[in-house]
Protein backbone atom coordinates (compact mmCIF):
# COMPACT_ATOMS: atom_id res chain seq x y z
CA MET A 1 -0.25 0.11 -0.27
CA SER A 2 1.94 2.73 -1.47
CA SER A 3 -0.44 5.54 -1.60
CA TRP A 4 -2.42 7.46 1.04
CA GLN A 5 -5.92 5.95 2.17
CA THR A 6 -8.53 7.74 3.39
CA ILE A 7 -9.34 6.98 7.73
CA GLU A 8 -12.00 7.78 9.74
CA ASN A 9 -13.04 10.45 11.70
CA ASP A 10 -12.74 8.90 15.53
CA ALA A 11 -11.35 10.27 18.45
CA GLY A 12 -9.59 6.76 18.81
CA VAL A 13 -7.98 6.46 16.35
CA PHE A 14 -6.58 9.64 15.56
CA THR A 15 -5.70 9.00 19.50
CA GLN A 16 -4.24 5.69 18.33
CA LEU A 17 -2.19 7.38 15.41
CA VAL A 18 -0.84 9.88 17.23
CA LYS A 19 0.76 7.45 19.84
CA ASP A 20 1.83 4.79 17.42
CA LEU A 21 4.07 7.36 15.79
CA GLY A 22 6.10 7.92 19.40
CA VAL A 23 3.37 10.81 20.71
CA GLU A 24 3.14 10.50 24.47
CA GLY A 25 0.80 12.85 27.11
CA VAL A 26 -2.19 14.10 24.53
CA GLN A 27 -4.92 12.36 23.10
CA PHE A 28 -8.83 12.85 20.96
CA GLU A 29 -12.25 13.78 22.72
CA GLU A 30 -14.60 13.63 20.31
CA VAL A 31 -16.95 17.44 21.34
CA PRO A 32 -21.10 16.19 20.92
CA LEU A 33 -21.51 20.55 21.08
CA VAL A 34 -18.93 22.96 20.48
CA GLU A 35 -20.86 24.62 24.05
CA HIS A 36 -18.60 21.58 25.97
CA LEU A 37 -15.46 22.54 24.85
CA ALA A 38 -15.61 24.64 28.14
CA THR A 39 -16.47 21.62 30.18
CA LEU A 40 -14.16 18.91 29.00
CA ASN A 41 -11.89 17.76 31.94
CA SER A 42 -8.53 17.40 30.66
CA PRO A 43 -6.57 20.76 29.68
CA LEU A 44 -7.83 21.86 25.84
CA TYR A 45 -5.33 22.62 23.01
CA GLY A 46 -6.51 22.67 20.28
CA VAL A 47 -9.67 21.23 17.42
CA ILE A 48 -9.16 19.39 14.26
CA PHE A 49 -12.75 20.59 13.03
CA LEU A 50 -14.69 18.01 10.27
CA PHE A 51 -16.71 20.13 7.83
CA LYS A 52 -18.18 19.28 4.25
CA TYR A 53 -15.57 21.04 1.33
CA GLU A 54 -16.91 23.54 -1.07
CA ARG A 55 -14.66 24.52 -3.85
CA GLN A 56 -15.74 28.86 -2.95
CA ASN A 57 -14.62 28.50 0.23
CA TYR A 58 -10.93 28.15 -1.15
CA ALA A 59 -11.28 30.23 -4.79
CA GLY A 60 -11.14 34.27 -3.41
CA GLU A 61 -8.31 35.94 -1.99
CA ALA A 62 -9.15 35.81 1.25
CA PRO A 63 -10.52 32.94 4.34
CA VAL A 64 -14.73 33.14 4.96
CA GLN A 65 -13.81 34.06 8.67
CA GLY A 66 -10.29 35.93 9.75
CA GLU A 67 -7.20 37.29 7.88
CA PHE A 68 -4.00 35.72 6.13
CA GLU A 69 -1.35 35.77 7.76
CA GLN A 70 1.26 37.00 6.04
CA ALA A 71 4.20 35.24 7.13
CA CYS A 72 3.90 31.68 9.21
CA PRO A 73 5.34 32.96 13.15
CA GLU A 74 7.92 31.53 14.56
CA GLY A 75 6.71 28.33 16.08
CA LEU A 76 4.26 27.77 14.92
CA PHE A 77 3.78 24.69 12.19
CA PHE A 78 2.21 25.36 9.02
CA ALA A 79 2.27 22.84 6.10
CA GLN A 80 0.16 22.45 2.73
CA GLN A 81 -1.82 19.42 1.45
CA THR A 82 0.17 18.06 -1.59
CA ILE A 83 -2.40 14.83 -1.96
CA PRO A 84 -5.69 13.68 -1.73
CA ASN A 85 -6.71 11.84 1.24
CA ALA A 86 -4.36 12.76 3.69
CA CYS A 87 -5.93 15.50 5.36
CA ALA A 88 -7.17 14.45 8.44
CA THR A 89 -3.32 13.46 9.09
CA GLN A 90 -2.58 17.13 7.94
CA ALA A 91 -4.52 18.53 10.51
CA VAL A 92 -3.21 16.32 13.25
CA LEU A 93 0.43 17.32 12.48
CA ASN A 94 -0.40 20.83 12.21
CA THR A 95 -2.11 21.18 14.89
CA LEU A 96 -0.21 18.95 17.09
CA LEU A 97 3.71 19.95 16.29
CA SER A 98 2.02 23.45 16.79
CA ILE A 99 0.97 23.34 20.86
CA GLY A 100 4.20 21.15 21.13
CA ASN A 101 6.67 23.61 22.22
CA ASP A 102 4.22 25.27 24.43
CA HIS A 103 3.30 22.15 26.40
CA ARG A 104 7.33 20.26 26.71
CA ASN A 105 6.04 19.19 30.31
CA SER A 106 3.40 17.52 29.29
CA ILE A 107 3.52 16.13 25.26
CA ARG A 108 6.44 14.42 24.27
CA LEU A 109 6.68 14.00 20.90
CA GLY A 110 9.03 10.67 20.33
CA THR A 111 11.73 10.45 17.73
CA VAL A 112 9.51 10.35 14.76
CA LEU A 113 8.28 13.28 14.94
CA SER A 114 10.89 15.51 16.78
CA ASP A 115 13.27 14.09 14.09
CA PHE A 116 10.77 15.68 11.16
CA LEU A 117 10.01 18.73 13.15
CA GLN A 118 13.58 19.80 13.02
CA PHE A 119 14.61 18.35 9.25
CA THR A 120 11.31 21.27 8.41
CA ALA A 121 12.57 23.48 10.55
CA GLY A 122 14.20 26.05 8.34
CA PHE A 123 10.93 25.64 6.04
CA SER A 124 9.70 28.39 4.52
CA ASP A 125 7.32 27.22 2.26
CA PRO A 126 4.26 25.56 3.35
CA ALA A 127 4.35 23.15 0.63
CA LEU A 128 7.62 22.05 0.62
CA ARG A 129 6.50 21.54 4.39
CA GLY A 130 3.41 19.07 2.81
CA GLU A 131 5.71 17.38 0.29
CA THR A 132 7.69 16.50 2.93
CA ILE A 133 4.63 14.84 5.10
CA THR A 134 3.43 13.37 1.62
CA ASN A 135 7.41 11.53 1.57
CA SER A 136 7.55 10.84 4.51
CA VAL A 137 7.13 7.20 4.47
CA ALA A 138 7.12 6.70 8.64
CA ILE A 139 3.93 9.29 8.82
CA ARG A 140 2.55 6.83 5.71
CA ASN A 141 3.32 3.94 7.15
CA VAL A 142 0.88 5.08 10.78
CA HIS A 143 -1.60 6.95 9.29
CA ASN A 144 -2.48 4.11 6.63
CA SER A 145 -2.59 0.89 9.15
CA PHE A 146 -6.10 2.23 10.14
CA THR A 147 -7.51 1.27 6.81
CA SER A 148 -8.77 -1.87 6.17
CA PRO A 149 -7.66 -4.46 3.63
CA ASP A 150 -9.57 -4.04 0.91
CA PRO A 151 -10.80 -7.49 -0.82
CA PHE A 152 -11.94 -4.20 -3.38
CA GLU A 153 -10.36 -3.04 -7.01
CA HIS A 154 -11.57 0.14 -7.01
CA GLU A 155 -11.81 2.59 -9.65
CA GLU A 156 -10.35 6.51 -9.26
CA PRO A 157 -13.41 8.69 -10.13
CA SER A 158 -13.38 11.44 -12.79
CA PRO A 159 -12.37 14.79 -12.38
CA SER A 160 -16.62 15.04 -13.12
CA ALA A 161 -17.42 13.09 -10.34
CA GLN A 162 -15.57 13.89 -7.63
CA SER A 163 -16.54 18.25 -8.50
CA SER A 164 -20.38 17.04 -8.01
CA GLU A 165 -19.80 14.23 -5.57
CA ALA A 166 -19.84 15.23 -1.44
CA ALA A 167 -16.43 15.77 -0.04
CA PHE A 168 -15.19 16.81 4.02
CA HIS A 169 -12.18 18.26 5.31
CA TYR A 170 -10.32 18.39 8.54
CA SER A 171 -8.92 22.15 10.24
CA GLY A 172 -7.03 22.99 12.65
CA PHE A 173 -7.38 25.55 15.00
CA VAL A 174 -4.73 26.43 18.25
CA PRO A 175 -4.45 29.32 20.68
CA TYR A 176 -0.74 31.08 19.45
CA ASN A 177 0.76 33.98 21.14
CA GLY A 178 -2.78 34.68 22.78
CA TYR A 179 -5.48 34.90 18.96
CA ILE A 180 -6.65 32.40 17.91
CA TYR A 181 -4.77 30.71 14.34
CA GLU A 182 -6.98 28.70 11.81
CA LEU A 183 -3.92 25.81 10.04
CA ASP A 184 -5.92 24.32 7.08
CA GLY A 185 -4.03 22.86 5.03
CA LEU A 186 -5.83 23.37 1.59
CA HIS A 187 -4.95 26.87 2.01
CA PRO A 188 -1.60 29.05 1.16
CA ARG A 189 -1.24 30.21 5.07
CA PRO A 190 -2.22 30.64 8.67
CA ILE A 191 -5.59 31.87 9.33
CA ILE A 192 -5.52 34.46 12.70
CA HIS A 193 -8.41 35.23 13.82
CA ARG A 194 -8.03 38.73 15.84
CA ALA A 195 -12.45 38.97 16.20
CA TYR A 196 -11.88 36.75 19.15
CA GLY A 197 -9.51 37.73 20.25
CA ALA A 198 -5.33 38.36 22.22
CA ASN A 199 -5.27 36.37 25.45
CA ASN A 200 -6.49 33.08 24.56
CA ASP A 201 -3.21 31.74 25.90
CA ASP A 202 -5.74 31.29 28.82
CA PRO A 203 -7.18 27.75 28.24
CA ALA A 204 -10.59 28.90 29.58
CA VAL A 205 -10.83 31.50 27.37
CA PHE A 206 -9.41 29.38 24.50
CA ALA A 207 -13.09 26.74 24.81
CA ALA A 208 -14.93 29.80 24.73
CA ASN A 209 -13.55 31.97 22.28
CA LEU A 210 -13.22 29.13 20.07
CA ALA A 211 -17.01 27.76 20.49
CA ALA A 212 -17.91 30.96 19.21
CA LEU A 213 -15.23 31.27 16.28
CA LEU A 214 -16.96 27.65 15.26
CA SER A 215 -21.23 28.26 16.02
CA ALA A 216 -20.53 31.29 13.81
CA ARG A 217 -18.64 28.86 10.56
CA MET A 218 -21.33 26.77 10.75
CA SER A 219 -24.07 29.05 10.92
CA MET A 220 -22.17 30.44 7.34
CA VAL A 221 -23.74 27.12 5.42
CA ALA A 222 -26.54 25.39 5.79
CA ASP A 223 -25.39 21.91 5.48
CA SER A 224 -25.06 20.78 8.82
CA SER A 225 -22.48 17.58 8.46
CA PHE A 226 -19.10 19.26 11.14
CA SER A 227 -17.53 17.18 13.36
CA VAL A 228 -15.30 18.44 16.76
CA THR A 229 -12.66 17.04 18.22
CA ALA A 230 -10.88 17.92 20.79
CA ILE A 231 -7.24 17.66 21.74
CA VAL A 232 -6.25 17.73 25.69
CA ARG A 233 -3.82 16.34 27.41
CA ASP A 234 -3.67 12.56 28.16
CA LYS A 235 -6.42 12.04 30.59
CA LEU A 236 -6.05 9.24 31.96
CA GLU A 237 -2.45 11.57 33.53
CA HIS A 238 -4.32 14.51 34.12
CA LEU A 239 -6.48 12.86 36.73
CA THR A 240 -3.66 10.78 37.57
CA GLU A 241 -1.95 13.31 38.94
CA GLN A 242 -5.29 15.46 40.07
CA LEU A 243 -5.65 12.24 42.53
CA ASP A 244 -2.65 11.68 44.00
CA ALA A 245 -2.73 15.66 44.98
CA PRO A 246 -1.73 15.42 48.89
CA ASP A 247 -5.28 17.40 49.34
CA VAL A 248 -7.89 15.77 47.22
CA ASP A 249 -10.84 15.03 49.52
CA ASP A 250 -13.64 12.07 49.93
CA GLY A 251 -15.95 12.59 47.18
CA ARG A 252 -13.50 14.27 44.98
CA ARG A 253 -11.36 11.04 44.84
CA PHE A 254 -13.97 9.32 43.78
CA TRP A 255 -15.23 11.61 42.00
CA LEU A 256 -11.74 10.93 40.31
CA GLN A 257 -11.83 7.06 40.24
CA ASP A 258 -14.60 7.46 38.39
CA LEU A 259 -14.23 8.97 35.99
CA ILE A 260 -10.29 7.04 35.56
CA GLN A 261 -12.51 4.06 34.84
CA ASP A 262 -14.84 5.43 32.53
CA GLU A 263 -11.29 6.15 30.95
CA LEU A 264 -10.02 2.99 30.67
CA ARG A 265 -13.50 1.67 29.35
CA VAL A 266 -13.67 3.81 26.41
CA ARG A 267 -9.81 2.71 26.06
CA ASP A 268 -11.58 -0.71 25.54
CA ARG A 269 -13.41 0.32 23.54
CA TRP A 270 -11.10 2.33 21.18
CA ALA A 271 -9.08 -0.78 20.82
CA LYS A 272 -11.62 -3.35 19.87
CA GLU A 273 -13.11 -0.99 17.14
CA ILE A 274 -9.97 -0.39 15.81
CA ALA A 275 -8.74 -4.07 16.02
CA LEU A 276 -11.68 -4.38 13.46
CA ARG A 277 -10.70 -1.58 10.77
CA ARG A 278 -7.71 -3.21 10.76
CA ASP A 279 -8.16 -6.68 10.23
CA GLY A 280 -11.43 -5.78 7.78
CA LEU A 281 -13.11 -9.17 8.51
CA VAL A 282 -14.22 -8.78 4.60
CA GLY A 283 -12.90 -12.05 3.75
CA LEU A 284 -15.30 -14.31 6.20
CA VAL A 285 -18.03 -11.44 5.56
CA TYR A 286 -17.08 -12.56 1.34
CA ALA A 287 -16.48 -16.15 2.46
CA VAL A 288 -20.08 -16.42 4.76
CA PHE A 289 -22.10 -14.87 1.95
CA LYS A 290 -21.37 -17.10 -0.40
CA GLN A 291 -22.18 -20.17 1.65
CA MET A 292 -25.42 -18.26 2.28
CA LEU A 293 -26.03 -17.32 -1.47
CA GLY A 294 -24.62 -20.76 -2.56
CA SER A 295 -27.93 -21.12 -4.65
CA MET A 296 -26.83 -18.01 -7.03
CA SER A 297 -25.68 -19.20 -9.91
CA ASP A 298 -21.73 -17.78 -10.73
CA ASP A 299 -23.62 -14.58 -13.34
CA GLU A 300 -26.24 -13.49 -10.61
CA PHE A 301 -23.59 -14.21 -8.04
CA ALA A 302 -20.85 -11.56 -9.59
CA GLN A 303 -23.55 -8.88 -10.17
CA ARG A 304 -24.57 -8.85 -6.71
CA ARG A 305 -20.43 -8.45 -5.91
CA ALA A 306 -20.74 -5.21 -8.14
CA ALA A 307 -22.79 -3.75 -6.65
CA ALA A 308 -21.70 -4.19 -3.29
CA ALA A 309 -18.70 -3.06 -4.23
CA ALA A 310 -20.51 0.20 -5.93
CA ARG A 311 -21.23 1.24 -2.84
CA THR A 312 -18.23 0.62 -1.32
CA ASN A 313 -16.75 3.89 -3.82
CA GLU A 314 -19.65 5.59 -3.59
CA ARG A 315 -18.81 5.80 0.28
CA GLU A 316 -15.21 5.98 0.40
CA ARG A 317 -15.50 8.55 -2.08
CA ARG A 318 -18.03 10.48 0.83
CA ARG A 319 -15.42 10.78 2.96
CA THR A 320 -12.59 11.24 -0.09
CA CYS A 321 -10.86 15.46 0.98
């Protein structure tokens, strides 16, 4: 598997993806309502935002919100997306590598991303940084490890099909130097949102202002297909640290223990779901259904299989960014 494949928008997948890249001290959490950004049980570092791609939003000289930062600030990592299907990992890396310096005590990038960050430190061109991500075998292999094995051959969508299908895209949001920055790999430069204050280094202020920003973005379009995934400190580390504090009372101790058990159950569920994604079980399902449909002729079975493959292709096209 030499090309980049689509991966699912899932907090467990993103958490395991960065863990497999060697990152420690951080995880991802699905946020059903933007207002919930202010009520997370672990410090908020940034957000991954999934939305429906609309070509006209990238055709003008200015973004739909905020304004382009003419020069990328030192310490903020921004790479353009130079290949299809990589936008989820691209958004994760843009965001994670931008917050790593501000949270060195809690986020450990590991060897792969530390070496990558050092290698690209002198690159001023976001497209060149994007090409470096594209050409990284280590990053691509980890990304593709979350794609199920597929026995079907899929046709590449034609340009006309790509222009009419429902495509989705990811963007990252981080606080930096007090402002909220948007890191969208389909844009040429980072976007600064000055209208949302200059004191977003305060996590509570960042959560409130980002909720307002995302609410405004969502109100601009009729389509309601959005997803917000928070990047937070590793919850087990954060909750355990609070539990071990010498001044914790019994009531808070029981509450923290319950939260830790809840998080352990979530991680167990994530592990099982990721195992199923990686195994796919497509071959087993294929054999079972072929046995069940043994009364069909070869031609009838081939037609059913082709129809199923076509539906699978359509679902993948809807997820491609």
